[in-house]
Amino acid sequence: MSSIEQHPERNVIRVQLAHNVVLKGMTAGQMAELEPLLVVVDCQKGEALLNQGVHEMEQYFILEGILKRVVSNREAKEMILRFADEGQMETSYAAWRLGTSAPYSIVCVTKARVAKLPLREWVAFIERHPGVKQTFEYEVMHHMSDIMAHTITLHLLDAPGRVKRFLRKHPELEERLPKKELASYLNLSAETLSRLKSRGKI
């Protein structure tokens, strides 16, 4: 864990932050205000950044790698809600605003690097900058809409249809996601996914 100023790759990290979906419209002054609040963390595949049920939450800006948002029940059965990669962000903002615990975990699908800060500090920052807040809250709503559409898709489309929809919406992730993770997201077995591919159904 390192501040940006002290990080040996700080120049690269600053460029990555400047291309983030939420931060790219910020002024130099806003970025200068935000940067000291951020710490950079390198994470291993399978490492959890946020655990379902906790109350201490953070805001994440993805610099490298892929994260997944995943929810599990008491029997430890998991459902992947979404993936996010470089240039995107992850958050549990809605839960923080509602004063509830985190309703899902955020886990690294691959090795990853994120810039993060406590959600209370991020919320204080966006309250001072309404334009950034508007961009951020739009992105939060976009995530919720995507998750709802994905959940409906699992019920309405057959297996080939689910795969084709994913490939159409997320072609950039097809070769980067482990097949086991993609199959789980689509509520398929890895074997079924391979069989569909070998038979030319997808």
N, C-alpha and C. Protein backbone atom coordinates (compact mmCIF):
# COMPACT_ATOMS: atom_id res chain seq x y z
N MET A 1 0.85 -1.18 0.00
CA MET A 1 0.00 0.00 0.00
C MET A 1 0.89 1.24 0.00
N SER A 2 0.59 2.17 -0.88
CA SER A 2 1.46 3.32 -1.04
C SER A 2 0.65 4.53 -1.48
N SER A 3 1.05 5.71 -1.05
CA SER A 3 0.45 6.92 -1.59
C SER A 3 0.92 7.07 -3.04
N ILE A 4 0.18 7.84 -3.82
CA ILE A 4 0.56 8.03 -5.22
C ILE A 4 1.89 8.77 -5.31
N GLU A 5 2.05 9.79 -4.49
CA GLU A 5 3.26 10.61 -4.53
C GLU A 5 4.51 9.77 -4.28
N GLN A 6 4.42 8.77 -3.41
CA GLN A 6 5.57 7.94 -3.05
C GLN A 6 5.72 6.71 -3.94
N HIS A 7 4.77 6.48 -4.83
CA HIS A 7 4.79 5.25 -5.63
C HIS A 7 5.79 5.39 -6.77
N PRO A 8 6.63 4.36 -7.02
CA PRO A 8 7.62 4.44 -8.10
C PRO A 8 6.99 4.58 -9.49
N GLU A 9 5.74 4.17 -9.65
CA GLU A 9 5.06 4.28 -10.95
C GLU A 9 3.99 5.38 -10.92
N ARG A 10 4.23 6.41 -10.13
CA ARG A 10 3.21 7.45 -9.92
C ARG A 10 2.77 8.13 -11.22
N ASN A 11 3.70 8.30 -12.17
CA ASN A 11 3.31 8.98 -13.41
C ASN A 11 2.33 8.14 -14.22
N VAL A 12 2.57 6.84 -14.28
CA VAL A 12 1.65 5.92 -14.97
C VAL A 12 0.30 5.91 -14.26
N ILE A 13 0.33 5.85 -12.93
CA ILE A 13 -0.90 5.80 -12.14
C ILE A 13 -1.73 7.06 -12.36
N ARG A 14 -1.07 8.20 -12.43
CA ARG A 14 -1.80 9.46 -12.67
C ARG A 14 -2.49 9.46 -14.04
N VAL A 15 -1.83 8.90 -15.03
CA VAL A 15 -2.45 8.78 -16.36
C VAL A 15 -3.65 7.84 -16.30
N GLN A 16 -3.49 6.71 -15.59
CA GLN A 16 -4.59 5.75 -15.47
C GLN A 16 -5.80 6.38 -14.77
N LEU A 17 -5.55 7.14 -13.72
CA LEU A 17 -6.64 7.80 -13.00
C LEU A 17 -7.34 8.83 -13.89
N ALA A 18 -6.53 9.52 -14.70
CA ALA A 18 -7.09 10.55 -15.58
C ALA A 18 -8.01 9.96 -16.65
N HIS A 19 -7.90 8.64 -16.90
CA HIS A 19 -8.76 7.97 -17.89
C HIS A 19 -9.90 7.21 -17.23
N ASN A 20 -10.01 7.29 -15.90
CA ASN A 20 -11.08 6.57 -15.21
C ASN A 20 -12.45 7.16 -15.57
N VAL A 21 -13.44 6.31 -15.69
CA VAL A 21 -14.77 6.72 -16.14
C VAL A 21 -15.37 7.80 -15.26
N VAL A 22 -15.05 7.81 -13.98
CA VAL A 22 -15.60 8.81 -13.06
C VAL A 22 -14.72 10.05 -12.96
N LEU A 23 -13.41 9.86 -13.06
CA LEU A 23 -12.48 10.95 -12.77
C LEU A 23 -12.04 11.74 -14.00
N LYS A 24 -12.31 11.22 -15.20
CA LYS A 24 -11.71 11.82 -16.39
C LYS A 24 -12.18 13.25 -16.69
N GLY A 25 -13.32 13.65 -16.12
CA GLY A 25 -13.78 15.01 -16.34
C GLY A 25 -13.34 16.00 -15.28
N MET A 26 -12.53 15.53 -14.34
CA MET A 26 -12.13 16.41 -13.24
C MET A 26 -11.08 17.42 -13.67
N THR A 27 -11.07 18.55 -12.99
CA THR A 27 -10.05 19.57 -13.24
C THR A 27 -8.75 19.17 -12.56
N ALA A 28 -7.67 19.84 -12.93
CA ALA A 28 -6.37 19.59 -12.29
C ALA A 28 -6.45 19.89 -10.80
N GLY A 29 -7.20 20.92 -10.44
CA GLY A 29 -7.34 21.28 -9.02
C GLY A 29 -8.09 20.21 -8.24
N GLN A 30 -9.13 19.66 -8.85
CA GLN A 30 -9.89 18.59 -8.19
C GLN A 30 -9.02 17.34 -8.01
N MET A 31 -8.25 17.01 -9.06
CA MET A 31 -7.38 15.84 -8.97
C MET A 31 -6.30 16.05 -7.90
N ALA A 32 -5.79 17.26 -7.81
CA ALA A 32 -4.78 17.56 -6.79
C ALA A 32 -5.36 17.44 -5.38
N GLU A 33 -6.63 17.74 -5.24
CA GLU A 33 -7.31 17.60 -3.95
C GLU A 33 -7.56 16.13 -3.61
N LEU A 34 -7.91 15.34 -4.63
CA LEU A 34 -8.24 13.93 -4.41
C LEU A 34 -7.00 13.06 -4.20
N GLU A 35 -5.94 13.33 -4.94
CA GLU A 35 -4.79 12.43 -4.95
C GLU A 35 -4.23 12.09 -3.56
N PRO A 36 -4.06 13.06 -2.66
CA PRO A 36 -3.50 12.70 -1.34
C PRO A 36 -4.40 11.79 -0.51
N LEU A 37 -5.67 11.68 -0.88
CA LEU A 37 -6.60 10.82 -0.15
C LEU A 37 -6.50 9.36 -0.59
N LEU A 38 -5.88 9.13 -1.77
CA LEU A 38 -5.84 7.80 -2.36
C LEU A 38 -4.61 7.01 -1.93
N VAL A 39 -4.79 5.70 -1.78
CA VAL A 39 -3.65 4.79 -1.63
C VAL A 39 -3.73 3.76 -2.75
N VAL A 40 -2.58 3.31 -3.20
CA VAL A 40 -2.51 2.33 -4.28
C VAL A 40 -2.20 0.96 -3.67
N VAL A 41 -3.00 -0.03 -4.08
CA VAL A 41 -2.87 -1.37 -3.52
C VAL A 41 -2.73 -2.38 -4.66
N ASP A 42 -1.75 -3.26 -4.54
CA ASP A 42 -1.60 -4.39 -5.47
C ASP A 42 -2.21 -5.62 -4.83
N CYS A 43 -3.07 -6.31 -5.56
CA CYS A 43 -3.85 -7.42 -5.01
C CYS A 43 -3.61 -8.69 -5.82
N GLN A 44 -3.70 -9.81 -5.16
CA GLN A 44 -3.53 -11.10 -5.80
C GLN A 44 -4.87 -11.65 -6.29
N LYS A 45 -4.80 -12.53 -7.27
CA LYS A 45 -5.99 -13.23 -7.76
C LYS A 45 -6.69 -13.92 -6.59
N GLY A 46 -8.00 -13.71 -6.48
CA GLY A 46 -8.78 -14.32 -5.41
C GLY A 46 -8.86 -13.51 -4.14
N GLU A 47 -8.11 -12.42 -4.06
CA GLU A 47 -8.11 -11.59 -2.86
C GLU A 47 -9.37 -10.73 -2.81
N ALA A 48 -9.97 -10.64 -1.62
CA ALA A 48 -11.18 -9.83 -1.45
C ALA A 48 -10.80 -8.42 -1.02
N LEU A 49 -11.31 -7.44 -1.75
CA LEU A 49 -11.15 -6.04 -1.36
C LEU A 49 -12.24 -5.62 -0.38
N LEU A 50 -13.41 -6.19 -0.55
CA LEU A 50 -14.55 -5.92 0.32
C LEU A 50 -15.23 -7.24 0.64
N ASN A 51 -15.57 -7.46 1.90
CA ASN A 51 -16.27 -8.67 2.30
C ASN A 51 -17.73 -8.39 2.60
N GLN A 52 -18.59 -9.21 2.05
CA GLN A 52 -20.03 -9.08 2.27
C GLN A 52 -20.32 -9.04 3.77
N GLY A 53 -21.15 -8.10 4.19
CA GLY A 53 -21.55 -8.02 5.60
C GLY A 53 -20.81 -7.00 6.43
N VAL A 54 -19.71 -6.43 5.91
CA VAL A 54 -18.95 -5.47 6.70
C VAL A 54 -19.58 -4.08 6.60
N HIS A 55 -19.22 -3.22 7.54
CA HIS A 55 -19.74 -1.85 7.55
C HIS A 55 -18.68 -0.82 7.14
N GLU A 56 -17.41 -1.19 7.24
CA GLU A 56 -16.34 -0.29 6.80
C GLU A 56 -16.13 -0.48 5.30
N MET A 57 -16.44 0.55 4.54
CA MET A 57 -16.42 0.39 3.09
C MET A 57 -15.50 1.42 2.43
N GLU A 58 -15.06 1.07 1.22
CA GLU A 58 -14.13 1.93 0.49
C GLU A 58 -14.59 2.12 -0.95
N GLN A 59 -14.03 3.13 -1.58
CA GLN A 59 -14.26 3.41 -3.00
C GLN A 59 -13.02 2.97 -3.76
N TYR A 60 -13.22 2.24 -4.88
CA TYR A 60 -12.10 1.68 -5.64
C TYR A 60 -12.09 2.20 -7.08
N PHE A 61 -10.92 2.62 -7.53
CA PHE A 61 -10.70 2.96 -8.94
C PHE A 61 -9.72 1.94 -9.49
N ILE A 62 -10.13 1.21 -10.54
CA ILE A 62 -9.33 0.08 -11.02
C ILE A 62 -8.27 0.59 -12.00
N LEU A 63 -7.02 0.32 -11.66
CA LEU A 63 -5.89 0.73 -12.49
C LEU A 63 -5.45 -0.39 -13.42
N GLU A 64 -5.46 -1.63 -12.90
CA GLU A 64 -5.07 -2.81 -13.69
C GLU A 64 -5.85 -4.01 -13.18
N GLY A 65 -6.14 -4.94 -14.09
CA GLY A 65 -6.78 -6.19 -13.69
C GLY A 65 -8.30 -6.14 -13.73
N ILE A 66 -8.91 -7.24 -13.26
CA ILE A 66 -10.36 -7.41 -13.30
C ILE A 66 -10.87 -7.75 -11.90
N LEU A 67 -11.95 -7.08 -11.50
CA LEU A 67 -12.63 -7.37 -10.25
C LEU A 67 -14.01 -7.95 -10.54
N LYS A 68 -14.56 -8.65 -9.55
CA LYS A 68 -15.94 -9.10 -9.67
C LYS A 68 -16.70 -8.72 -8.41
N ARG A 69 -17.98 -8.45 -8.60
CA ARG A 69 -18.90 -8.21 -7.50
C ARG A 69 -19.67 -9.51 -7.31
N VAL A 70 -19.63 -10.08 -6.12
CA VAL A 70 -20.21 -11.41 -5.92
C VAL A 70 -20.98 -11.46 -4.61
N VAL A 71 -22.13 -12.12 -4.65
CA VAL A 71 -22.95 -12.28 -3.45
C VAL A 71 -23.06 -13.76 -3.14
N SER A 72 -23.06 -14.11 -1.85
CA SER A 72 -23.16 -15.52 -1.47
C SER A 72 -24.19 -15.69 -0.36
N ASN A 73 -24.81 -16.88 -0.34
CA ASN A 73 -25.80 -17.16 0.71
C ASN A 73 -25.14 -17.95 1.84
N ARG A 74 -25.94 -18.36 2.82
CA ARG A 74 -25.38 -19.04 4.00
C ARG A 74 -24.76 -20.38 3.65
N GLU A 75 -25.20 -20.96 2.55
CA GLU A 75 -24.63 -22.25 2.11
C GLU A 75 -23.39 -22.03 1.24
N ALA A 76 -22.93 -20.79 1.16
CA ALA A 76 -21.73 -20.40 0.40
C ALA A 76 -21.91 -20.56 -1.11
N LYS A 77 -23.16 -20.61 -1.56
CA LYS A 77 -23.41 -20.59 -3.01
C LYS A 77 -23.26 -19.16 -3.49
N GLU A 78 -22.50 -18.98 -4.56
CA GLU A 78 -22.16 -17.65 -5.01
C GLU A 78 -22.85 -17.29 -6.34
N MET A 79 -23.10 -16.00 -6.49
CA MET A 79 -23.59 -15.47 -7.77
C MET A 79 -22.76 -14.24 -8.11
N ILE A 80 -22.18 -14.24 -9.29
CA ILE A 80 -21.40 -13.07 -9.74
C ILE A 80 -22.36 -12.07 -10.35
N LEU A 81 -22.31 -10.84 -9.85
CA LEU A 81 -23.22 -9.80 -10.31
C LEU A 81 -22.65 -9.00 -11.48
N ARG A 82 -21.34 -8.75 -11.46
CA ARG A 82 -20.73 -7.98 -12.53
C ARG A 82 -19.22 -8.13 -12.47
N PHE A 83 -18.58 -7.82 -13.61
CA PHE A 83 -17.12 -7.70 -13.68
C PHE A 83 -16.78 -6.24 -13.97
N ALA A 84 -15.60 -5.82 -13.55
CA ALA A 84 -15.12 -4.47 -13.84
C ALA A 84 -13.62 -4.53 -14.08
N ASP A 85 -13.15 -3.78 -15.08
CA ASP A 85 -11.71 -3.80 -15.39
C ASP A 85 -11.16 -2.38 -15.42
N GLU A 86 -9.97 -2.24 -15.99
CA GLU A 86 -9.25 -0.96 -15.99
C GLU A 86 -10.14 0.19 -16.47
N GLY A 87 -10.01 1.30 -15.79
CA GLY A 87 -10.76 2.48 -16.18
C GLY A 87 -12.14 2.54 -15.55
N GLN A 88 -12.55 1.47 -14.89
CA GLN A 88 -13.84 1.45 -14.22
C GLN A 88 -13.65 1.62 -12.72
N MET A 89 -14.75 1.58 -11.99
CA MET A 89 -14.67 1.73 -10.54
C MET A 89 -15.57 0.70 -9.88
N GLU A 90 -15.34 0.47 -8.60
CA GLU A 90 -16.22 -0.37 -7.80
C GLU A 90 -16.52 0.35 -6.50
N THR A 91 -17.71 0.06 -5.96
CA THR A 91 -18.18 0.79 -4.79
C THR A 91 -19.29 0.01 -4.10
N SER A 92 -19.58 0.39 -2.87
CA SER A 92 -20.79 -0.07 -2.17
C SER A 92 -21.52 1.16 -1.66
N TYR A 93 -21.54 2.17 -2.50
CA TYR A 93 -22.08 3.50 -2.16
C TYR A 93 -23.53 3.43 -1.69
N ALA A 94 -24.37 2.67 -2.38
CA ALA A 94 -25.79 2.62 -2.01
C ALA A 94 -25.95 2.10 -0.58
N ALA A 95 -25.22 1.03 -0.24
CA ALA A 95 -25.29 0.47 1.11
C ALA A 95 -24.79 1.49 2.14
N TRP A 96 -23.71 2.19 1.80
CA TRP A 96 -23.16 3.19 2.71
C TRP A 96 -24.18 4.30 2.96
N ARG A 97 -24.83 4.76 1.89
CA ARG A 97 -25.83 5.80 2.03
C ARG A 97 -27.02 5.33 2.89
N LEU A 98 -27.39 4.07 2.73
CA LEU A 98 -28.53 3.52 3.47
C LEU A 98 -28.17 3.11 4.90
N GLY A 99 -26.88 3.11 5.20
CA GLY A 99 -26.43 2.72 6.54
C GLY A 99 -26.50 1.23 6.79
N THR A 100 -26.48 0.44 5.72
CA THR A 100 -26.53 -1.02 5.86
C THR A 100 -25.14 -1.61 5.62
N SER A 101 -24.99 -2.88 5.89
CA SER A 101 -23.72 -3.56 5.63
C SER A 101 -23.57 -3.81 4.14
N ALA A 102 -22.34 -4.11 3.74
CA ALA A 102 -22.07 -4.39 2.31
C ALA A 102 -22.87 -5.61 1.87
N PRO A 103 -23.70 -5.49 0.82
CA PRO A 103 -24.54 -6.60 0.40
C PRO A 103 -23.82 -7.62 -0.49
N TYR A 104 -22.57 -7.35 -0.82
CA TYR A 104 -21.79 -8.24 -1.69
C TYR A 104 -20.31 -8.06 -1.38
N SER A 105 -19.51 -8.98 -1.90
CA SER A 105 -18.05 -8.88 -1.81
C SER A 105 -17.51 -8.34 -3.14
N ILE A 106 -16.34 -7.74 -3.09
CA ILE A 106 -15.61 -7.34 -4.29
C ILE A 106 -14.29 -8.09 -4.26
N VAL A 107 -14.06 -8.91 -5.28
CA VAL A 107 -12.95 -9.87 -5.28
C VAL A 107 -12.15 -9.72 -6.57
N CYS A 108 -10.85 -9.93 -6.48
CA CYS A 108 -9.97 -9.86 -7.66
C CYS A 108 -10.09 -11.15 -8.48
N VAL A 109 -10.46 -11.02 -9.73
CA VAL A 109 -10.51 -12.17 -10.65
C VAL A 109 -9.09 -12.48 -11.15
N THR A 110 -8.30 -11.44 -11.34
CA THR A 110 -6.90 -11.56 -11.76
C THR A 110 -6.05 -10.75 -10.78
N LYS A 111 -4.75 -10.77 -10.96
CA LYS A 111 -3.93 -9.81 -10.24
C LYS A 111 -4.43 -8.42 -10.59
N ALA A 112 -4.46 -7.55 -9.61
CA ALA A 112 -5.06 -6.24 -9.87
C ALA A 112 -4.33 -5.15 -9.08
N ARG A 113 -4.49 -3.94 -9.57
CA ARG A 113 -4.00 -2.75 -8.85
C ARG A 113 -5.15 -1.75 -8.80
N VAL A 114 -5.44 -1.27 -7.61
CA VAL A 114 -6.50 -0.28 -7.44
C VAL A 114 -5.99 0.91 -6.64
N ALA A 115 -6.63 2.05 -6.88
CA ALA A 115 -6.46 3.21 -6.01
C ALA A 115 -7.74 3.30 -5.19
N LYS A 116 -7.61 3.46 -3.88
CA LYS A 116 -8.80 3.42 -3.04
C LYS A 116 -8.75 4.49 -1.95
N LEU A 117 -9.92 4.75 -1.39
CA LEU A 117 -10.04 5.63 -0.22
C LEU A 117 -11.31 5.26 0.52
N PRO A 118 -11.39 5.57 1.82
CA PRO A 118 -12.63 5.27 2.56
C PRO A 118 -13.83 5.96 1.92
N LEU A 119 -14.96 5.27 1.92
CA LEU A 119 -16.16 5.84 1.29
C LEU A 119 -16.57 7.16 1.94
N ARG A 120 -16.38 7.27 3.25
CA ARG A 120 -16.78 8.53 3.91
C ARG A 120 -15.96 9.70 3.36
N GLU A 121 -14.68 9.46 3.04
CA GLU A 121 -13.85 10.53 2.47
C GLU A 121 -14.24 10.82 1.03
N TRP A 122 -14.57 9.77 0.27
CA TRP A 122 -15.00 9.96 -1.11
C TRP A 122 -16.32 10.74 -1.15
N VAL A 123 -17.25 10.38 -0.27
CA VAL A 123 -18.54 11.08 -0.24
C VAL A 123 -18.34 12.55 0.14
N ALA A 124 -17.47 12.81 1.10
CA ALA A 124 -17.19 14.20 1.47
C ALA A 124 -16.60 14.96 0.27
N PHE A 125 -15.74 14.28 -0.49
CA PHE A 125 -15.13 14.91 -1.67
C PHE A 125 -16.18 15.26 -2.73
N ILE A 126 -17.06 14.30 -3.06
CA ILE A 126 -18.04 14.56 -4.12
C ILE A 126 -19.10 15.57 -3.66
N GLU A 127 -19.34 15.66 -2.37
CA GLU A 127 -20.27 16.69 -1.89
C GLU A 127 -19.71 18.08 -2.15
N ARG A 128 -18.39 18.19 -2.17
CA ARG A 128 -17.76 19.48 -2.47
C ARG A 128 -17.70 19.76 -3.97
N HIS A 129 -17.92 18.71 -4.79
CA HIS A 129 -17.79 18.83 -6.24
C HIS A 129 -19.01 18.20 -6.92
N PRO A 130 -20.10 18.96 -7.04
CA PRO A 130 -21.37 18.40 -7.56
C PRO A 130 -21.26 17.76 -8.94
N GLY A 131 -20.39 18.29 -9.81
CA GLY A 131 -20.25 17.69 -11.13
C GLY A 131 -19.70 16.28 -11.07
N VAL A 132 -18.70 16.08 -10.21
CA VAL A 132 -18.12 14.75 -10.01
C VAL A 132 -19.17 13.82 -9.39
N LYS A 133 -19.92 14.36 -8.43
CA LYS A 133 -20.97 13.56 -7.78
C LYS A 133 -22.00 13.09 -8.80
N GLN A 134 -22.39 13.97 -9.72
CA GLN A 134 -23.37 13.60 -10.74
C GLN A 134 -22.84 12.48 -11.63
N THR A 135 -21.58 12.60 -12.05
CA THR A 135 -20.97 11.56 -12.89
C THR A 135 -20.90 10.23 -12.13
N PHE A 136 -20.47 10.30 -10.88
CA PHE A 136 -20.33 9.10 -10.05
C PHE A 136 -21.69 8.43 -9.83
N GLU A 137 -22.70 9.20 -9.45
CA GLU A 137 -24.01 8.60 -9.16
C GLU A 137 -24.64 8.03 -10.43
N TYR A 138 -24.38 8.65 -11.57
CA TYR A 138 -24.84 8.08 -12.84
C TYR A 138 -24.21 6.70 -13.05
N GLU A 139 -22.92 6.60 -12.76
CA GLU A 139 -22.22 5.32 -12.93
C GLU A 139 -22.77 4.26 -11.98
N VAL A 140 -23.08 4.65 -10.74
CA VAL A 140 -23.68 3.73 -9.77
C VAL A 140 -25.02 3.21 -10.30
N MET A 141 -25.83 4.11 -10.84
CA MET A 141 -27.14 3.70 -11.38
C MET A 141 -26.97 2.82 -12.61
N HIS A 142 -25.95 3.11 -13.41
CA HIS A 142 -25.64 2.30 -14.59
C HIS A 142 -25.30 0.87 -14.16
N HIS A 143 -24.50 0.73 -13.10
CA HIS A 143 -24.16 -0.60 -12.57
C HIS A 143 -25.42 -1.35 -12.15
N MET A 144 -26.29 -0.65 -11.42
CA MET A 144 -27.52 -1.31 -10.94
C MET A 144 -28.40 -1.75 -12.09
N SER A 145 -28.49 -0.92 -13.12
CA SER A 145 -29.28 -1.26 -14.30
C SER A 145 -28.70 -2.48 -15.02
N ASP A 146 -27.38 -2.52 -15.16
CA ASP A 146 -26.71 -3.65 -15.81
C ASP A 146 -26.93 -4.95 -15.04
N ILE A 147 -26.84 -4.86 -13.71
CA ILE A 147 -27.02 -6.06 -12.88
C ILE A 147 -28.46 -6.57 -13.00
N MET A 148 -29.42 -5.65 -13.02
CA MET A 148 -30.82 -6.06 -13.18
C MET A 148 -31.04 -6.73 -14.53
N ALA A 149 -30.46 -6.14 -15.58
CA ALA A 149 -30.60 -6.72 -16.93
C ALA A 149 -29.95 -8.10 -16.98
N HIS A 150 -28.80 -8.24 -16.34
CA HIS A 150 -28.11 -9.54 -16.32
C HIS A 150 -28.95 -10.59 -15.59
N THR A 151 -29.53 -10.22 -14.45
CA THR A 151 -30.34 -11.15 -13.68
C THR A 151 -31.56 -11.61 -14.47
N ILE A 152 -32.19 -10.68 -15.19
CA ILE A 152 -33.33 -11.03 -16.04
C ILE A 152 -32.89 -11.97 -17.16
N THR A 153 -31.71 -11.68 -17.73
CA THR A 153 -31.17 -12.50 -18.81
C THR A 153 -31.00 -13.96 -18.38
N LEU A 154 -30.56 -14.18 -17.14
CA LEU A 154 -30.35 -15.54 -16.65
C LEU A 154 -31.65 -16.34 -16.66
N HIS A 155 -32.78 -15.66 -16.52
CA HIS A 155 -34.08 -16.34 -16.50
C HIS A 155 -34.72 -16.45 -17.88
N LEU A 156 -34.44 -15.49 -18.75
CA LEU A 156 -35.17 -15.44 -20.01
C LEU A 156 -34.44 -16.06 -21.20
N LEU A 157 -33.11 -16.07 -21.17
CA LEU A 157 -32.36 -16.58 -22.32
C LEU A 157 -31.82 -17.98 -22.06
N ASP A 158 -31.74 -18.78 -23.14
CA ASP A 158 -31.11 -20.10 -23.00
C ASP A 158 -29.59 -19.92 -22.93
N ALA A 159 -28.87 -21.02 -22.74
CA ALA A 159 -27.42 -20.95 -22.52
C ALA A 159 -26.69 -20.25 -23.67
N PRO A 160 -26.92 -20.64 -24.95
CA PRO A 160 -26.23 -19.93 -26.04
C PRO A 160 -26.57 -18.44 -26.07
N GLY A 161 -27.83 -18.12 -25.77
CA GLY A 161 -28.25 -16.72 -25.78
C GLY A 161 -27.54 -15.90 -24.72
N ARG A 162 -27.35 -16.50 -23.53
CA ARG A 162 -26.64 -15.81 -22.45
C ARG A 162 -25.20 -15.52 -22.85
N VAL A 163 -24.55 -16.53 -23.46
CA VAL A 163 -23.15 -16.35 -23.86
C VAL A 163 -23.04 -15.29 -24.95
N LYS A 164 -23.92 -15.36 -25.94
CA LYS A 164 -23.87 -14.40 -27.05
C LYS A 164 -24.09 -12.97 -26.56
N ARG A 165 -24.99 -12.81 -25.61
CA ARG A 165 -25.25 -11.47 -25.06
C ARG A 165 -24.01 -10.94 -24.36
N PHE A 166 -23.35 -11.79 -23.59
CA PHE A 166 -22.14 -11.36 -22.90
C PHE A 166 -21.05 -10.96 -23.90
N LEU A 167 -20.86 -11.77 -24.92
CA LEU A 167 -19.82 -11.48 -25.92
C LEU A 167 -20.12 -10.20 -26.68
N ARG A 168 -21.40 -9.92 -26.88
CA ARG A 168 -21.80 -8.69 -27.57
C ARG A 168 -21.56 -7.46 -26.69
N LYS A 169 -21.86 -7.59 -25.40
CA LYS A 169 -21.75 -6.45 -24.49
C LYS A 169 -20.35 -6.26 -23.93
N HIS A 170 -19.58 -7.35 -23.81
CA HIS A 170 -18.25 -7.26 -23.18
C HIS A 170 -17.18 -7.99 -23.99
N PRO A 171 -17.01 -7.65 -25.27
CA PRO A 171 -16.02 -8.38 -26.09
C PRO A 171 -14.61 -8.24 -25.55
N GLU A 172 -14.34 -7.15 -24.83
CA GLU A 172 -12.99 -6.91 -24.31
C GLU A 172 -12.61 -7.88 -23.19
N LEU A 173 -13.60 -8.54 -22.60
CA LEU A 173 -13.32 -9.45 -21.48
C LEU A 173 -13.24 -10.91 -21.90
N GLU A 174 -13.67 -11.23 -23.11
CA GLU A 174 -13.80 -12.64 -23.52
C GLU A 174 -12.51 -13.43 -23.31
N GLU A 175 -11.39 -12.91 -23.76
CA GLU A 175 -10.13 -13.64 -23.68
C GLU A 175 -9.42 -13.46 -22.35
N ARG A 176 -9.87 -12.52 -21.56
CA ARG A 176 -9.18 -12.20 -20.30
C ARG A 176 -9.77 -12.92 -19.09
N LEU A 177 -11.04 -13.30 -19.19
CA LEU A 177 -11.68 -13.93 -18.04
C LEU A 177 -11.40 -15.43 -18.01
N PRO A 178 -11.04 -15.97 -16.85
CA PRO A 178 -10.97 -17.43 -16.74
C PRO A 178 -12.33 -18.04 -17.10
N LYS A 179 -12.31 -19.14 -17.85
CA LYS A 179 -13.57 -19.74 -18.32
C LYS A 179 -14.48 -20.11 -17.15
N LYS A 180 -13.88 -20.52 -16.03
CA LYS A 180 -14.67 -20.89 -14.85
C LYS A 180 -15.46 -19.68 -14.33
N GLU A 181 -14.83 -18.50 -14.35
CA GLU A 181 -15.50 -17.29 -13.87
C GLU A 181 -16.63 -16.88 -14.81
N LEU A 182 -16.35 -16.94 -16.11
CA LEU A 182 -17.38 -16.58 -17.10
C LEU A 182 -18.56 -17.54 -17.01
N ALA A 183 -18.27 -18.83 -16.90
CA ALA A 183 -19.35 -19.82 -16.79
C ALA A 183 -20.20 -19.57 -15.55
N SER A 184 -19.57 -19.27 -14.44
CA SER A 184 -20.30 -18.99 -13.20
C SER A 184 -21.20 -17.78 -13.36
N TYR A 185 -20.67 -16.73 -13.99
CA TYR A 185 -21.44 -15.50 -14.21
C TYR A 185 -22.69 -15.78 -15.04
N LEU A 186 -22.56 -16.70 -16.01
CA LEU A 186 -23.67 -17.02 -16.91
C LEU A 186 -24.53 -18.18 -16.39
N ASN A 187 -24.24 -18.62 -15.16
CA ASN A 187 -24.97 -19.73 -14.53
C ASN A 187 -24.89 -21.00 -15.37
N LEU A 188 -23.68 -21.28 -15.84
CA LEU A 188 -23.39 -22.49 -16.62
C LEU A 188 -22.24 -23.23 -15.95
N SER A 189 -22.07 -24.49 -16.30
CA SER A 189 -20.85 -25.18 -15.90
C SER A 189 -19.77 -24.87 -16.92
N ALA A 190 -18.53 -24.98 -16.51
CA ALA A 190 -17.42 -24.74 -17.44
C ALA A 190 -17.49 -25.73 -18.60
N GLU A 191 -17.96 -26.94 -18.31
CA GLU A 191 -18.07 -27.97 -19.35
C GLU A 191 -19.11 -27.58 -20.41
N THR A 192 -20.24 -27.04 -19.94
CA THR A 192 -21.29 -26.61 -20.87
C THR A 192 -20.78 -25.48 -21.75
N LEU A 193 -20.05 -24.55 -21.17
CA LEU A 193 -19.49 -23.44 -21.94
C LEU A 193 -18.55 -23.95 -23.01
N SER A 194 -17.68 -24.91 -22.66
CA SER A 194 -16.74 -25.49 -23.63
C SER A 194 -17.48 -26.24 -24.73
N ARG A 195 -18.54 -26.96 -24.34
CA ARG A 195 -19.31 -27.74 -25.30
C ARG A 195 -20.01 -26.82 -26.31
N LEU A 196 -20.56 -25.72 -25.83
CA LEU A 196 -21.22 -24.77 -26.73
C LEU A 196 -20.23 -24.21 -27.74
N LYS A 197 -19.02 -23.95 -27.25
CA LYS A 197 -17.99 -23.39 -28.12
C LYS A 197 -17.55 -24.41 -29.17
N SER A 198 -17.33 -25.65 -28.72
CA SER A 198 -16.84 -26.69 -29.64
C SER A 198 -17.88 -27.06 -30.70
N ARG A 199 -19.15 -26.89 -30.37
CA ARG A 199 -20.21 -27.22 -31.31
C ARG A 199 -20.60 -26.04 -32.19
N GLY A 200 -19.92 -24.92 -32.00
CA GLY A 200 -20.19 -23.75 -32.82
C GLY A 200 -21.50 -23.06 -32.51
N LYS A 201 -22.03 -23.30 -31.29
CA LYS A 201 -23.28 -22.66 -30.89
C LYS A 201 -23.08 -21.20 -30.47
N ILE A 202 -21.83 -20.84 -30.19
CA ILE A 202 -21.55 -19.45 -29.75
C ILE A 202 -20.38 -18.91 -30.55
